[in-house]
């Protein structure tokens, strides 16, 4: 689903943040990425999404998404790929305050020219059925994150990217949110990559990768999650 091939990124100052990362992410796989602050976790997600540009290097594109080399896409093509094949979940939710919950969730469907009936179905799936006419200011933090998850998954993306999605949530709400995310990923066969600092969150994924200045490698997190 996603392949990284010797991916590197340096800051404008020339200081490297990511160096020669290589990894294959499979469809249907829920992967967490951990690491110290400043090692490039969020930068990695931005590169995968095509929101930032990797360092130029020899050979093939360093990022292959769903069989498509990202380096071969212009801005318009990259935007279309993100819109159709990716879903994003942010720590700060980014739920649009002037839209109702139903309108927020339906937005990816509208942008892709798809029927919007699944928006109501996804609100029901995240426990907010019947509240489609409410606005974000009427929700708790956990409820807004549920809306963000529904919006990220409503168009059945092949790749879901989540940047600290439980960072502002209490432990019980975080567990509920990640259980929901895991169920939806498995049901749709999406690949999901979650950046997190929480070992409790990482326990709920299929695999945990440790990102450091020396590269990326699989690490062991004792999994106590019960499906």
N, C-alpha and C. Protein backbone atom coordinates (compact mmCIF):
# COMPACT_ATOMS: atom_id res chain seq x y z
N UNK A 1 0.82 -1.21 0.00
CA UNK A 1 0.00 0.00 0.00
C UNK A 1 0.86 1.26 0.00
N UNK A 2 1.88 1.27 0.88
CA UNK A 2 2.80 2.41 0.97
C UNK A 2 4.21 1.88 1.08
N UNK A 3 5.09 2.42 0.25
CA UNK A 3 6.49 2.01 0.29
C UNK A 3 7.37 3.23 0.42
N UNK A 4 8.29 3.20 1.38
CA UNK A 4 9.32 4.22 1.53
C UNK A 4 10.63 3.63 1.05
N UNK A 5 11.32 4.36 0.17
CA UNK A 5 12.58 3.88 -0.40
C UNK A 5 13.67 4.92 -0.16
N UNK A 6 14.49 4.71 0.83
CA UNK A 6 15.61 5.61 1.11
C UNK A 6 15.15 7.06 1.19
N UNK A 7 14.10 7.28 1.97
CA UNK A 7 13.52 8.61 2.12
C UNK A 7 14.38 9.47 3.03
N UNK A 8 14.70 10.67 2.56
CA UNK A 8 15.50 11.61 3.36
C UNK A 8 14.87 13.00 3.30
N UNK A 9 15.07 13.75 4.38
CA UNK A 9 14.58 15.12 4.44
C UNK A 9 15.48 15.94 5.34
N UNK A 10 15.87 17.11 4.84
CA UNK A 10 16.68 18.04 5.63
C UNK A 10 15.93 19.36 5.78
N UNK A 11 16.19 20.05 6.87
CA UNK A 11 15.63 21.38 7.05
C UNK A 11 16.31 22.37 6.10
N UNK A 12 15.73 23.57 5.99
CA UNK A 12 16.31 24.59 5.10
C UNK A 12 17.75 24.92 5.50
N UNK A 13 18.06 24.76 6.78
CA UNK A 13 19.41 25.03 7.26
C UNK A 13 20.41 23.98 6.80
N UNK A 14 19.89 22.88 6.27
CA UNK A 14 20.75 21.77 5.86
C UNK A 14 20.85 20.66 6.88
N UNK A 15 20.30 20.87 8.09
CA UNK A 15 20.35 19.83 9.11
C UNK A 15 19.38 18.71 8.76
N UNK A 16 19.86 17.47 8.68
CA UNK A 16 18.97 16.36 8.32
C UNK A 16 18.00 16.03 9.44
N UNK A 17 16.76 15.70 9.07
CA UNK A 17 15.78 15.27 10.06
C UNK A 17 15.41 13.81 9.83
N UNK A 18 15.37 13.37 8.57
CA UNK A 18 15.14 11.97 8.23
C UNK A 18 16.23 11.54 7.25
N UNK A 19 16.72 10.32 7.41
CA UNK A 19 17.82 9.89 6.56
C UNK A 19 17.65 8.44 6.11
N UNK A 20 17.45 8.27 4.81
CA UNK A 20 17.43 6.95 4.17
C UNK A 20 16.46 5.97 4.83
N UNK A 21 15.23 6.42 5.05
CA UNK A 21 14.22 5.54 5.64
C UNK A 21 13.62 4.64 4.57
N UNK A 22 13.50 3.37 4.87
CA UNK A 22 12.87 2.41 3.97
C UNK A 22 11.94 1.52 4.78
N UNK A 23 10.70 1.36 4.30
CA UNK A 23 9.74 0.49 4.98
C UNK A 23 8.56 0.24 4.05
N UNK A 24 7.93 -0.94 4.18
CA UNK A 24 6.70 -1.26 3.45
C UNK A 24 5.53 -1.35 4.43
N UNK A 25 4.46 -0.65 4.13
CA UNK A 25 3.24 -0.68 4.93
C UNK A 25 2.16 -1.38 4.11
N UNK A 26 1.47 -2.35 4.73
CA UNK A 26 0.53 -3.19 4.00
C UNK A 26 -0.91 -2.73 4.18
N UNK A 27 -1.76 -3.05 3.20
CA UNK A 27 -3.19 -2.79 3.31
C UNK A 27 -3.75 -3.58 4.49
N UNK A 28 -4.68 -2.97 5.22
CA UNK A 28 -5.30 -3.62 6.37
C UNK A 28 -4.47 -3.59 7.63
N UNK A 29 -3.33 -2.90 7.59
CA UNK A 29 -2.40 -2.87 8.72
C UNK A 29 -2.52 -1.55 9.48
N UNK A 30 -2.61 -1.63 10.80
CA UNK A 30 -2.66 -0.46 11.67
C UNK A 30 -1.31 -0.36 12.36
N UNK A 31 -0.53 0.68 12.02
CA UNK A 31 0.86 0.81 12.47
C UNK A 31 1.00 2.09 13.29
N UNK A 32 1.66 1.99 14.44
CA UNK A 32 2.00 3.18 15.21
C UNK A 32 3.48 3.49 15.05
N UNK A 33 3.79 4.79 15.07
CA UNK A 33 5.18 5.25 15.00
C UNK A 33 5.46 6.08 16.23
N UNK A 34 6.49 5.68 16.96
CA UNK A 34 6.90 6.39 18.17
C UNK A 34 8.32 6.93 17.99
N UNK A 35 8.71 7.81 18.89
CA UNK A 35 10.05 8.38 18.82
C UNK A 35 10.11 9.65 19.63
N UNK A 36 11.33 10.08 19.95
CA UNK A 36 11.51 11.30 20.73
C UNK A 36 11.03 12.52 19.96
N UNK A 37 10.74 13.59 20.67
CA UNK A 37 10.37 14.84 20.02
C UNK A 37 11.51 15.31 19.12
N UNK A 38 11.15 15.78 17.93
CA UNK A 38 12.14 16.33 17.02
C UNK A 38 12.79 15.33 16.07
N UNK A 39 12.40 14.04 16.15
CA UNK A 39 13.03 13.06 15.26
C UNK A 39 12.37 13.03 13.88
N UNK A 40 11.23 13.74 13.72
CA UNK A 40 10.64 13.84 12.39
C UNK A 40 9.37 13.05 12.18
N UNK A 41 8.64 12.72 13.24
CA UNK A 41 7.43 11.90 13.09
C UNK A 41 6.36 12.62 12.27
N UNK A 42 6.07 13.87 12.65
CA UNK A 42 5.07 14.63 11.89
C UNK A 42 5.58 14.98 10.50
N UNK A 43 6.87 15.24 10.39
CA UNK A 43 7.47 15.50 9.07
C UNK A 43 7.28 14.29 8.16
N UNK A 44 7.43 13.10 8.71
CA UNK A 44 7.24 11.89 7.93
C UNK A 44 5.82 11.80 7.39
N UNK A 45 4.82 12.09 8.23
CA UNK A 45 3.43 12.06 7.75
C UNK A 45 3.21 13.09 6.65
N UNK A 46 3.78 14.29 6.81
CA UNK A 46 3.61 15.33 5.79
C UNK A 46 4.26 14.93 4.47
N UNK A 47 5.38 14.24 4.54
CA UNK A 47 6.04 13.77 3.32
C UNK A 47 5.20 12.71 2.63
N UNK A 48 4.68 11.77 3.40
CA UNK A 48 3.84 10.71 2.83
C UNK A 48 2.63 11.30 2.14
N UNK A 49 2.04 12.34 2.76
CA UNK A 49 0.85 12.96 2.20
C UNK A 49 1.14 13.88 1.02
N UNK A 50 2.40 14.14 0.76
CA UNK A 50 2.74 15.06 -0.32
C UNK A 50 2.58 16.51 0.06
N UNK A 51 2.48 16.79 1.36
CA UNK A 51 2.38 18.17 1.84
C UNK A 51 3.76 18.80 2.00
N UNK A 52 4.79 18.00 1.96
CA UNK A 52 6.18 18.45 2.02
C UNK A 52 6.95 17.62 1.00
N UNK A 53 8.11 18.11 0.62
CA UNK A 53 8.89 17.48 -0.45
C UNK A 53 10.16 16.86 0.12
N UNK A 54 10.42 15.58 -0.18
CA UNK A 54 11.66 14.95 0.30
C UNK A 54 12.87 15.49 -0.44
N UNK A 55 14.04 15.25 0.12
CA UNK A 55 15.27 15.62 -0.56
C UNK A 55 15.39 14.86 -1.87
N UNK A 56 15.91 15.53 -2.87
CA UNK A 56 16.13 14.87 -4.15
C UNK A 56 17.25 13.85 -4.01
N UNK A 57 17.10 12.74 -4.73
CA UNK A 57 18.12 11.70 -4.67
C UNK A 57 18.09 10.85 -5.91
N UNK A 58 19.05 9.98 -6.08
CA UNK A 58 19.08 9.14 -7.26
C UNK A 58 18.04 8.03 -7.20
N UNK A 59 17.67 7.50 -8.36
CA UNK A 59 16.80 6.33 -8.40
C UNK A 59 15.33 6.68 -8.39
N UNK A 60 14.52 5.70 -7.98
CA UNK A 60 13.08 5.82 -8.01
C UNK A 60 12.57 6.79 -6.95
N UNK A 61 11.27 7.11 -7.05
CA UNK A 61 10.63 7.96 -6.06
C UNK A 61 10.77 7.34 -4.68
N UNK A 62 11.09 8.14 -3.65
CA UNK A 62 11.23 7.58 -2.30
C UNK A 62 9.90 7.25 -1.63
N UNK A 63 8.78 7.71 -2.21
CA UNK A 63 7.46 7.46 -1.62
C UNK A 63 6.52 6.94 -2.70
N UNK A 64 6.01 5.73 -2.51
CA UNK A 64 5.06 5.11 -3.43
C UNK A 64 3.76 4.89 -2.67
N UNK A 65 2.69 5.55 -3.09
CA UNK A 65 1.39 5.44 -2.42
C UNK A 65 0.42 4.72 -3.35
N UNK A 66 -0.04 3.57 -2.94
CA UNK A 66 -1.03 2.81 -3.72
C UNK A 66 -0.55 2.60 -5.16
N UNK A 67 0.76 2.33 -5.28
CA UNK A 67 1.35 2.09 -6.59
C UNK A 67 1.73 3.33 -7.37
N UNK A 68 1.52 4.52 -6.80
CA UNK A 68 1.78 5.77 -7.50
C UNK A 68 3.01 6.46 -6.90
N UNK A 69 4.06 6.72 -7.69
CA UNK A 69 5.22 7.48 -7.18
C UNK A 69 4.83 8.94 -6.93
N UNK A 70 4.97 9.39 -5.71
CA UNK A 70 4.57 10.76 -5.38
C UNK A 70 5.43 11.79 -6.10
N UNK A 71 6.69 11.47 -6.35
CA UNK A 71 7.58 12.44 -6.99
C UNK A 71 7.19 12.72 -8.44
N UNK A 72 6.38 11.85 -9.03
CA UNK A 72 5.97 12.05 -10.41
C UNK A 72 4.70 12.87 -10.56
N UNK A 73 4.15 13.37 -9.44
CA UNK A 73 2.89 14.10 -9.47
C UNK A 73 3.12 15.60 -9.36
N UNK A 74 2.38 16.38 -10.16
CA UNK A 74 2.39 17.82 -9.96
C UNK A 74 1.43 18.15 -8.82
N UNK A 75 1.30 19.42 -8.47
CA UNK A 75 0.50 19.80 -7.31
C UNK A 75 -0.95 19.37 -7.46
N UNK A 76 -1.52 19.55 -8.65
CA UNK A 76 -2.92 19.19 -8.86
C UNK A 76 -3.14 17.69 -8.72
N UNK A 77 -2.23 16.91 -9.28
CA UNK A 77 -2.36 15.45 -9.22
C UNK A 77 -2.18 14.95 -7.79
N UNK A 78 -1.25 15.56 -7.05
CA UNK A 78 -1.04 15.18 -5.66
C UNK A 78 -2.27 15.51 -4.82
N UNK A 79 -2.89 16.65 -5.10
CA UNK A 79 -4.11 17.03 -4.39
C UNK A 79 -5.23 16.03 -4.68
N UNK A 80 -5.38 15.61 -5.92
CA UNK A 80 -6.42 14.64 -6.27
C UNK A 80 -6.17 13.30 -5.59
N UNK A 81 -4.90 12.88 -5.52
CA UNK A 81 -4.58 11.62 -4.85
C UNK A 81 -4.91 11.70 -3.36
N UNK A 82 -4.52 12.80 -2.71
CA UNK A 82 -4.83 12.98 -1.29
C UNK A 82 -6.34 12.93 -1.06
N UNK A 83 -7.07 13.63 -1.91
CA UNK A 83 -8.51 13.77 -1.74
C UNK A 83 -9.22 12.43 -1.90
N UNK A 84 -8.75 11.62 -2.84
CA UNK A 84 -9.44 10.37 -3.16
C UNK A 84 -8.95 9.18 -2.35
N UNK A 85 -7.66 9.13 -2.02
CA UNK A 85 -7.07 7.92 -1.49
C UNK A 85 -6.57 8.03 -0.05
N UNK A 86 -6.63 9.24 0.53
CA UNK A 86 -6.10 9.42 1.88
C UNK A 86 -7.15 10.01 2.81
N UNK A 87 -7.00 9.70 4.10
CA UNK A 87 -7.80 10.31 5.15
C UNK A 87 -6.88 10.79 6.25
N UNK A 88 -7.21 11.93 6.85
CA UNK A 88 -6.33 12.55 7.85
C UNK A 88 -7.06 12.73 9.17
N UNK A 89 -6.37 12.39 10.27
CA UNK A 89 -6.89 12.62 11.61
C UNK A 89 -5.83 13.41 12.37
N UNK A 90 -6.21 14.59 12.86
CA UNK A 90 -5.26 15.48 13.49
C UNK A 90 -5.53 15.58 15.00
N UNK A 91 -4.48 15.87 15.75
CA UNK A 91 -4.61 16.04 17.19
C UNK A 91 -5.59 17.17 17.51
N UNK A 92 -5.56 18.22 16.71
CA UNK A 92 -6.41 19.39 16.96
C UNK A 92 -7.76 19.29 16.24
N UNK A 93 -8.10 18.12 15.74
CA UNK A 93 -9.38 17.80 15.12
C UNK A 93 -9.57 18.44 13.74
N UNK A 94 -9.41 19.79 13.62
CA UNK A 94 -9.65 20.52 12.38
C UNK A 94 -11.06 20.28 11.85
N UNK A 95 -12.01 20.16 12.77
CA UNK A 95 -13.42 20.13 12.38
C UNK A 95 -13.84 21.56 12.07
N UNK A 96 -14.53 21.78 10.95
CA UNK A 96 -14.88 23.13 10.51
C UNK A 96 -16.05 23.66 11.33
N UNK A 97 -15.85 24.76 12.07
CA UNK A 97 -16.85 25.20 13.05
C UNK A 97 -18.15 25.71 12.43
N UNK A 98 -18.11 26.20 11.19
CA UNK A 98 -19.30 26.78 10.57
C UNK A 98 -20.16 25.75 9.85
N UNK A 99 -19.72 24.49 9.83
CA UNK A 99 -20.48 23.41 9.20
C UNK A 99 -21.08 22.51 10.28
N UNK A 100 -22.24 21.93 9.99
CA UNK A 100 -22.82 20.94 10.90
C UNK A 100 -21.96 19.69 10.91
N UNK A 101 -22.24 18.79 11.85
CA UNK A 101 -21.49 17.54 11.89
C UNK A 101 -21.67 16.75 10.60
N UNK A 102 -22.89 16.69 10.11
CA UNK A 102 -23.15 15.96 8.86
C UNK A 102 -22.40 16.58 7.70
N UNK A 103 -22.38 17.91 7.64
CA UNK A 103 -21.67 18.59 6.56
C UNK A 103 -20.16 18.37 6.66
N UNK A 104 -19.63 18.37 7.88
CA UNK A 104 -18.20 18.10 8.07
C UNK A 104 -17.83 16.72 7.54
N UNK A 105 -18.63 15.72 7.92
CA UNK A 105 -18.32 14.35 7.53
C UNK A 105 -18.54 14.15 6.03
N UNK A 106 -19.51 14.83 5.45
CA UNK A 106 -19.82 14.67 4.03
C UNK A 106 -18.82 15.35 3.11
N UNK A 107 -17.98 16.23 3.66
CA UNK A 107 -17.10 17.04 2.82
C UNK A 107 -16.22 16.21 1.88
N UNK A 108 -15.52 15.15 2.35
CA UNK A 108 -14.71 14.35 1.42
C UNK A 108 -15.55 13.71 0.31
N UNK A 109 -16.78 13.34 0.61
CA UNK A 109 -17.65 12.76 -0.42
C UNK A 109 -17.99 13.80 -1.48
N UNK A 110 -18.31 15.01 -1.03
CA UNK A 110 -18.63 16.08 -1.98
C UNK A 110 -17.42 16.42 -2.86
N UNK A 111 -16.25 16.49 -2.24
CA UNK A 111 -15.04 16.83 -3.00
C UNK A 111 -14.68 15.76 -4.03
N UNK A 112 -15.10 14.51 -3.76
CA UNK A 112 -14.81 13.42 -4.68
C UNK A 112 -15.99 13.10 -5.60
N UNK A 113 -17.04 13.90 -5.53
CA UNK A 113 -18.18 13.68 -6.39
C UNK A 113 -18.94 12.41 -6.09
N UNK A 114 -18.98 12.00 -4.80
CA UNK A 114 -19.62 10.76 -4.39
C UNK A 114 -20.95 11.06 -3.68
N UNK A 115 -21.87 10.11 -3.69
CA UNK A 115 -23.12 10.28 -2.93
C UNK A 115 -22.82 10.51 -1.45
N UNK A 116 -23.61 11.34 -0.81
CA UNK A 116 -23.32 11.73 0.57
C UNK A 116 -24.04 10.88 1.61
N UNK A 117 -24.78 9.86 1.19
CA UNK A 117 -25.56 9.08 2.16
C UNK A 117 -24.68 8.42 3.20
N UNK A 118 -23.45 8.09 2.86
CA UNK A 118 -22.57 7.41 3.82
C UNK A 118 -22.17 8.32 4.98
N UNK A 119 -22.32 9.63 4.83
CA UNK A 119 -21.97 10.54 5.92
C UNK A 119 -22.82 10.25 7.16
N UNK A 120 -24.12 10.09 6.96
CA UNK A 120 -25.00 9.78 8.09
C UNK A 120 -24.67 8.40 8.67
N UNK A 121 -24.32 7.45 7.81
CA UNK A 121 -23.96 6.11 8.27
C UNK A 121 -22.71 6.16 9.14
N UNK A 122 -21.73 6.99 8.75
CA UNK A 122 -20.50 7.09 9.54
C UNK A 122 -20.74 7.78 10.87
N UNK A 123 -21.60 8.79 10.89
CA UNK A 123 -21.94 9.42 12.17
C UNK A 123 -22.58 8.40 13.11
N UNK A 124 -23.42 7.55 12.55
CA UNK A 124 -24.02 6.48 13.35
C UNK A 124 -22.94 5.53 13.86
N UNK A 125 -21.98 5.21 13.00
CA UNK A 125 -20.92 4.26 13.38
C UNK A 125 -20.05 4.80 14.51
N UNK A 126 -19.88 6.12 14.57
CA UNK A 126 -19.04 6.70 15.63
C UNK A 126 -19.86 7.13 16.84
N UNK A 127 -21.12 6.72 16.89
CA UNK A 127 -21.94 6.99 18.07
C UNK A 127 -22.58 8.35 18.10
N UNK A 128 -22.66 9.01 16.95
CA UNK A 128 -23.27 10.34 16.89
C UNK A 128 -24.47 10.38 15.96
N UNK A 129 -25.12 9.24 15.80
CA UNK A 129 -26.32 9.20 14.98
C UNK A 129 -27.40 10.11 15.54
N UNK A 130 -28.10 10.81 14.66
CA UNK A 130 -29.14 11.73 15.08
C UNK A 130 -28.65 13.10 15.46
N UNK A 131 -27.33 13.31 15.42
CA UNK A 131 -26.78 14.62 15.78
C UNK A 131 -26.16 15.34 14.59
N UNK A 132 -26.52 14.92 13.40
CA UNK A 132 -25.94 15.52 12.20
C UNK A 132 -26.18 17.00 12.06
N UNK A 133 -27.25 17.52 12.66
CA UNK A 133 -27.54 18.95 12.56
C UNK A 133 -26.85 19.79 13.61
N UNK A 134 -26.15 19.15 14.56
CA UNK A 134 -25.41 19.90 15.58
C UNK A 134 -24.16 20.53 14.98
N UNK A 135 -23.62 21.49 15.72
CA UNK A 135 -22.38 22.15 15.30
C UNK A 135 -21.24 21.76 16.26
N UNK A 136 -20.00 21.89 15.81
CA UNK A 136 -18.87 21.45 16.63
C UNK A 136 -18.82 22.06 18.02
N UNK A 137 -19.28 23.31 18.20
CA UNK A 137 -19.19 23.93 19.53
C UNK A 137 -20.08 23.23 20.55
N UNK A 138 -20.97 22.36 20.08
CA UNK A 138 -21.86 21.63 20.98
C UNK A 138 -21.25 20.29 21.44
N UNK A 139 -20.04 20.00 21.01
CA UNK A 139 -19.43 18.69 21.27
C UNK A 139 -18.30 18.77 22.30
N UNK A 140 -18.06 17.64 22.94
CA UNK A 140 -16.86 17.48 23.76
C UNK A 140 -15.67 17.18 22.86
N UNK A 141 -14.46 17.17 23.47
CA UNK A 141 -13.27 16.85 22.68
C UNK A 141 -13.33 15.46 22.08
N UNK A 142 -13.79 14.49 22.89
CA UNK A 142 -13.90 13.12 22.38
C UNK A 142 -14.89 13.01 21.24
N UNK A 143 -16.00 13.75 21.34
CA UNK A 143 -17.00 13.72 20.28
C UNK A 143 -16.46 14.36 19.00
N UNK A 144 -15.70 15.44 19.14
CA UNK A 144 -15.12 16.07 17.95
C UNK A 144 -14.12 15.13 17.27
N UNK A 145 -13.37 14.36 18.08
CA UNK A 145 -12.44 13.42 17.47
C UNK A 145 -13.19 12.31 16.76
N UNK A 146 -14.36 11.94 17.27
CA UNK A 146 -15.19 10.96 16.56
C UNK A 146 -15.64 11.50 15.20
N UNK A 147 -16.00 12.76 15.17
CA UNK A 147 -16.36 13.39 13.90
C UNK A 147 -15.17 13.38 12.94
N UNK A 148 -13.98 13.69 13.48
CA UNK A 148 -12.77 13.70 12.65
C UNK A 148 -12.48 12.32 12.07
N UNK A 149 -12.70 11.28 12.85
CA UNK A 149 -12.49 9.92 12.37
C UNK A 149 -13.52 9.57 11.30
N UNK A 150 -14.79 9.92 11.56
CA UNK A 150 -15.83 9.65 10.56
C UNK A 150 -15.51 10.35 9.25
N UNK A 151 -15.05 11.59 9.33
CA UNK A 151 -14.70 12.35 8.12
C UNK A 151 -13.50 11.72 7.40
N UNK A 152 -12.52 11.25 8.16
CA UNK A 152 -11.32 10.67 7.55
C UNK A 152 -11.62 9.36 6.82
N UNK A 153 -12.64 8.63 7.30
CA UNK A 153 -12.90 7.29 6.76
C UNK A 153 -14.10 7.22 5.84
N UNK A 154 -14.88 8.30 5.74
CA UNK A 154 -16.18 8.24 5.05
C UNK A 154 -16.05 7.87 3.59
N UNK A 155 -14.96 8.27 2.93
CA UNK A 155 -14.80 8.00 1.49
C UNK A 155 -13.97 6.73 1.24
N UNK A 156 -13.81 5.94 2.28
CA UNK A 156 -13.08 4.67 2.21
C UNK A 156 -11.67 4.85 1.63
N UNK A 157 -10.85 5.67 2.28
CA UNK A 157 -9.49 5.90 1.77
C UNK A 157 -8.63 4.65 1.90
N UNK A 158 -7.65 4.54 1.05
CA UNK A 158 -6.72 3.42 1.12
C UNK A 158 -5.67 3.63 2.20
N UNK A 159 -5.42 4.90 2.55
CA UNK A 159 -4.36 5.24 3.51
C UNK A 159 -4.89 6.27 4.49
N UNK A 160 -4.79 5.96 5.79
CA UNK A 160 -5.21 6.87 6.85
C UNK A 160 -3.97 7.31 7.63
N UNK A 161 -3.81 8.62 7.79
CA UNK A 161 -2.68 9.19 8.52
C UNK A 161 -3.21 9.91 9.75
N UNK A 162 -2.71 9.55 10.93
CA UNK A 162 -3.19 10.12 12.18
C UNK A 162 -2.02 10.66 12.99
N UNK A 163 -2.06 11.95 13.30
CA UNK A 163 -0.97 12.60 14.01
C UNK A 163 -1.41 12.88 15.46
N UNK A 164 -0.94 12.07 16.39
CA UNK A 164 -1.29 12.19 17.81
C UNK A 164 -2.80 12.35 18.01
N UNK A 165 -3.61 11.43 17.49
CA UNK A 165 -5.06 11.64 17.52
C UNK A 165 -5.67 11.57 18.91
N UNK A 166 -4.93 11.06 19.90
CA UNK A 166 -5.49 10.97 21.26
C UNK A 166 -4.74 11.87 22.24
N UNK A 167 -3.92 12.76 21.73
CA UNK A 167 -3.08 13.57 22.60
C UNK A 167 -3.84 14.46 23.57
N UNK A 168 -5.06 14.87 23.20
CA UNK A 168 -5.84 15.77 24.06
C UNK A 168 -6.99 15.05 24.77
N UNK A 169 -6.99 13.73 24.76
CA UNK A 169 -8.12 12.97 25.29
C UNK A 169 -7.75 12.24 26.58
N UNK A 170 -8.74 12.03 27.45
CA UNK A 170 -8.52 11.25 28.65
C UNK A 170 -8.37 9.77 28.27
N UNK A 171 -7.78 8.94 29.14
CA UNK A 171 -7.49 7.55 28.77
C UNK A 171 -8.70 6.75 28.30
N UNK A 172 -9.84 6.89 28.97
CA UNK A 172 -11.01 6.11 28.57
C UNK A 172 -11.51 6.52 27.19
N UNK A 173 -11.56 7.84 26.95
CA UNK A 173 -12.00 8.33 25.64
C UNK A 173 -11.00 7.92 24.56
N UNK A 174 -9.70 8.00 24.87
CA UNK A 174 -8.68 7.61 23.91
C UNK A 174 -8.84 6.14 23.52
N UNK A 175 -9.08 5.27 24.50
CA UNK A 175 -9.26 3.85 24.22
C UNK A 175 -10.48 3.64 23.32
N UNK A 176 -11.56 4.33 23.61
CA UNK A 176 -12.77 4.21 22.81
C UNK A 176 -12.54 4.68 21.38
N UNK A 177 -11.84 5.80 21.23
CA UNK A 177 -11.56 6.35 19.90
C UNK A 177 -10.70 5.39 19.09
N UNK A 178 -9.66 4.84 19.70
CA UNK A 178 -8.76 3.95 18.96
C UNK A 178 -9.42 2.61 18.66
N UNK A 179 -10.28 2.14 19.53
CA UNK A 179 -11.03 0.92 19.24
C UNK A 179 -11.90 1.12 18.01
N UNK A 180 -12.55 2.28 17.95
CA UNK A 180 -13.38 2.61 16.80
C UNK A 180 -12.53 2.70 15.53
N UNK A 181 -11.41 3.38 15.62
CA UNK A 181 -10.54 3.54 14.46
C UNK A 181 -10.05 2.18 13.96
N UNK A 182 -9.66 1.32 14.88
CA UNK A 182 -9.18 -0.01 14.50
C UNK A 182 -10.28 -0.80 13.80
N UNK A 183 -11.49 -0.76 14.33
CA UNK A 183 -12.60 -1.51 13.71
C UNK A 183 -12.85 -1.03 12.29
N UNK A 184 -12.85 0.27 12.10
CA UNK A 184 -13.14 0.82 10.78
C UNK A 184 -12.03 0.49 9.78
N UNK A 185 -10.79 0.54 10.24
CA UNK A 185 -9.65 0.20 9.37
C UNK A 185 -9.75 -1.25 8.91
N UNK A 186 -10.03 -2.14 9.86
CA UNK A 186 -10.13 -3.56 9.52
C UNK A 186 -11.32 -3.82 8.59
N UNK A 187 -12.41 -3.09 8.80
CA UNK A 187 -13.61 -3.30 7.97
C UNK A 187 -13.40 -2.84 6.53
N UNK A 188 -12.61 -1.77 6.34
CA UNK A 188 -12.42 -1.23 4.99
C UNK A 188 -11.13 -1.71 4.32
N UNK A 189 -10.23 -2.34 5.10
CA UNK A 189 -8.97 -2.80 4.52
C UNK A 189 -7.98 -1.68 4.27
N UNK A 190 -8.16 -0.55 4.96
CA UNK A 190 -7.23 0.57 4.80
C UNK A 190 -5.92 0.28 5.52
N UNK A 191 -4.88 0.98 5.12
CA UNK A 191 -3.63 1.02 5.87
C UNK A 191 -3.66 2.29 6.71
N UNK A 192 -3.34 2.17 7.99
CA UNK A 192 -3.35 3.34 8.87
C UNK A 192 -2.01 3.49 9.55
N UNK A 193 -1.50 4.72 9.59
CA UNK A 193 -0.24 5.03 10.25
C UNK A 193 -0.53 6.11 11.29
N UNK A 194 -0.23 5.82 12.53
CA UNK A 194 -0.52 6.73 13.63
C UNK A 194 0.77 7.13 14.34
N UNK A 195 1.06 8.40 14.36
CA UNK A 195 2.14 8.93 15.17
C UNK A 195 1.62 9.13 16.59
N UNK A 196 2.33 8.60 17.57
CA UNK A 196 1.89 8.73 18.96
C UNK A 196 3.08 8.70 19.91
N UNK A 197 2.91 9.33 21.06
CA UNK A 197 3.90 9.22 22.14
C UNK A 197 3.42 8.27 23.21
N UNK A 198 2.21 7.75 23.05
CA UNK A 198 1.56 6.95 24.09
C UNK A 198 1.74 5.46 23.86
N UNK A 199 2.34 4.77 24.83
CA UNK A 199 2.46 3.32 24.72
C UNK A 199 1.10 2.65 24.79
N UNK A 200 0.18 3.23 25.54
CA UNK A 200 -1.17 2.67 25.62
C UNK A 200 -1.84 2.72 24.24
N UNK A 201 -1.64 3.79 23.51
CA UNK A 201 -2.19 3.88 22.16
C UNK A 201 -1.49 2.90 21.23
N UNK A 202 -0.18 2.80 21.35
CA UNK A 202 0.58 1.89 20.48
C UNK A 202 0.17 0.43 20.70
N UNK A 203 -0.24 0.08 21.91
CA UNK A 203 -0.66 -1.29 22.21
C UNK A 203 -1.86 -1.70 21.36
N UNK A 204 -2.61 -0.76 20.86
CA UNK A 204 -3.84 -1.06 20.14
C UNK A 204 -3.61 -1.19 18.63
N UNK A 205 -2.36 -1.10 18.20
CA UNK A 205 -2.04 -1.24 16.79
C UNK A 205 -1.42 -2.61 16.52
N UNK A 206 -1.33 -2.95 15.25
CA UNK A 206 -0.76 -4.25 14.86
C UNK A 206 0.75 -4.29 15.01
N UNK A 207 1.37 -3.14 14.85
CA UNK A 207 2.84 -3.09 14.81
C UNK A 207 3.27 -1.70 15.26
N UNK A 208 4.39 -1.64 15.97
CA UNK A 208 4.94 -0.36 16.41
C UNK A 208 6.34 -0.18 15.84
N UNK A 209 6.57 0.96 15.22
CA UNK A 209 7.88 1.31 14.68
C UNK A 209 8.48 2.42 15.52
N UNK A 210 9.78 2.33 15.75
CA UNK A 210 10.51 3.35 16.49
C UNK A 210 11.32 4.17 15.51
N UNK A 211 11.04 5.47 15.47
CA UNK A 211 11.79 6.38 14.60
C UNK A 211 12.85 7.08 15.43
N UNK A 212 14.08 7.07 14.93
CA UNK A 212 15.18 7.73 15.63
C UNK A 212 16.10 8.36 14.60
N UNK A 213 17.14 9.00 15.10
CA UNK A 213 18.10 9.64 14.20
C UNK A 213 18.84 8.63 13.34
N UNK A 214 18.84 7.38 13.77
CA UNK A 214 19.56 6.35 13.01
C UNK A 214 18.66 5.58 12.05
N UNK A 215 17.36 5.87 12.05
CA UNK A 215 16.48 5.18 11.10
C UNK A 215 15.16 4.77 11.73
N UNK A 216 14.56 3.73 11.17
CA UNK A 216 13.27 3.25 11.64
C UNK A 216 13.34 1.73 11.79
N UNK A 217 12.78 1.22 12.88
CA UNK A 217 12.81 -0.22 13.10
C UNK A 217 11.62 -0.63 13.95
N UNK A 218 11.24 -1.89 13.81
CA UNK A 218 10.12 -2.39 14.59
C UNK A 218 10.56 -2.57 16.04
N UNK A 219 9.64 -2.25 16.96
CA UNK A 219 9.93 -2.39 18.38
C UNK A 219 8.81 -3.19 19.02
N UNK A 220 9.05 -3.67 20.21
CA UNK A 220 8.07 -4.51 20.91
C UNK A 220 7.33 -3.69 21.94
N UNK A 221 6.00 -3.67 21.80
CA UNK A 221 5.12 -3.09 22.81
C UNK A 221 4.22 -4.23 23.28
N UNK A 222 4.18 -4.47 24.59
CA UNK A 222 3.32 -5.54 25.11
C UNK A 222 1.88 -5.18 24.81
N UNK A 223 1.21 -6.03 24.04
CA UNK A 223 -0.15 -5.74 23.57
C UNK A 223 -1.17 -6.35 24.52
N UNK A 224 -1.87 -5.44 25.21
CA UNK A 224 -2.91 -5.89 26.15
C UNK A 224 -4.30 -5.59 25.61
N UNK A 225 -4.37 -5.15 24.35
CA UNK A 225 -5.65 -4.78 23.77
C UNK A 225 -6.51 -6.01 23.50
N UNK A 226 -7.76 -5.95 23.92
CA UNK A 226 -8.73 -7.01 23.67
C UNK A 226 -9.71 -6.54 22.62
N UNK A 227 -9.80 -7.26 21.49
CA UNK A 227 -10.71 -6.87 20.43
C UNK A 227 -12.14 -7.18 20.83
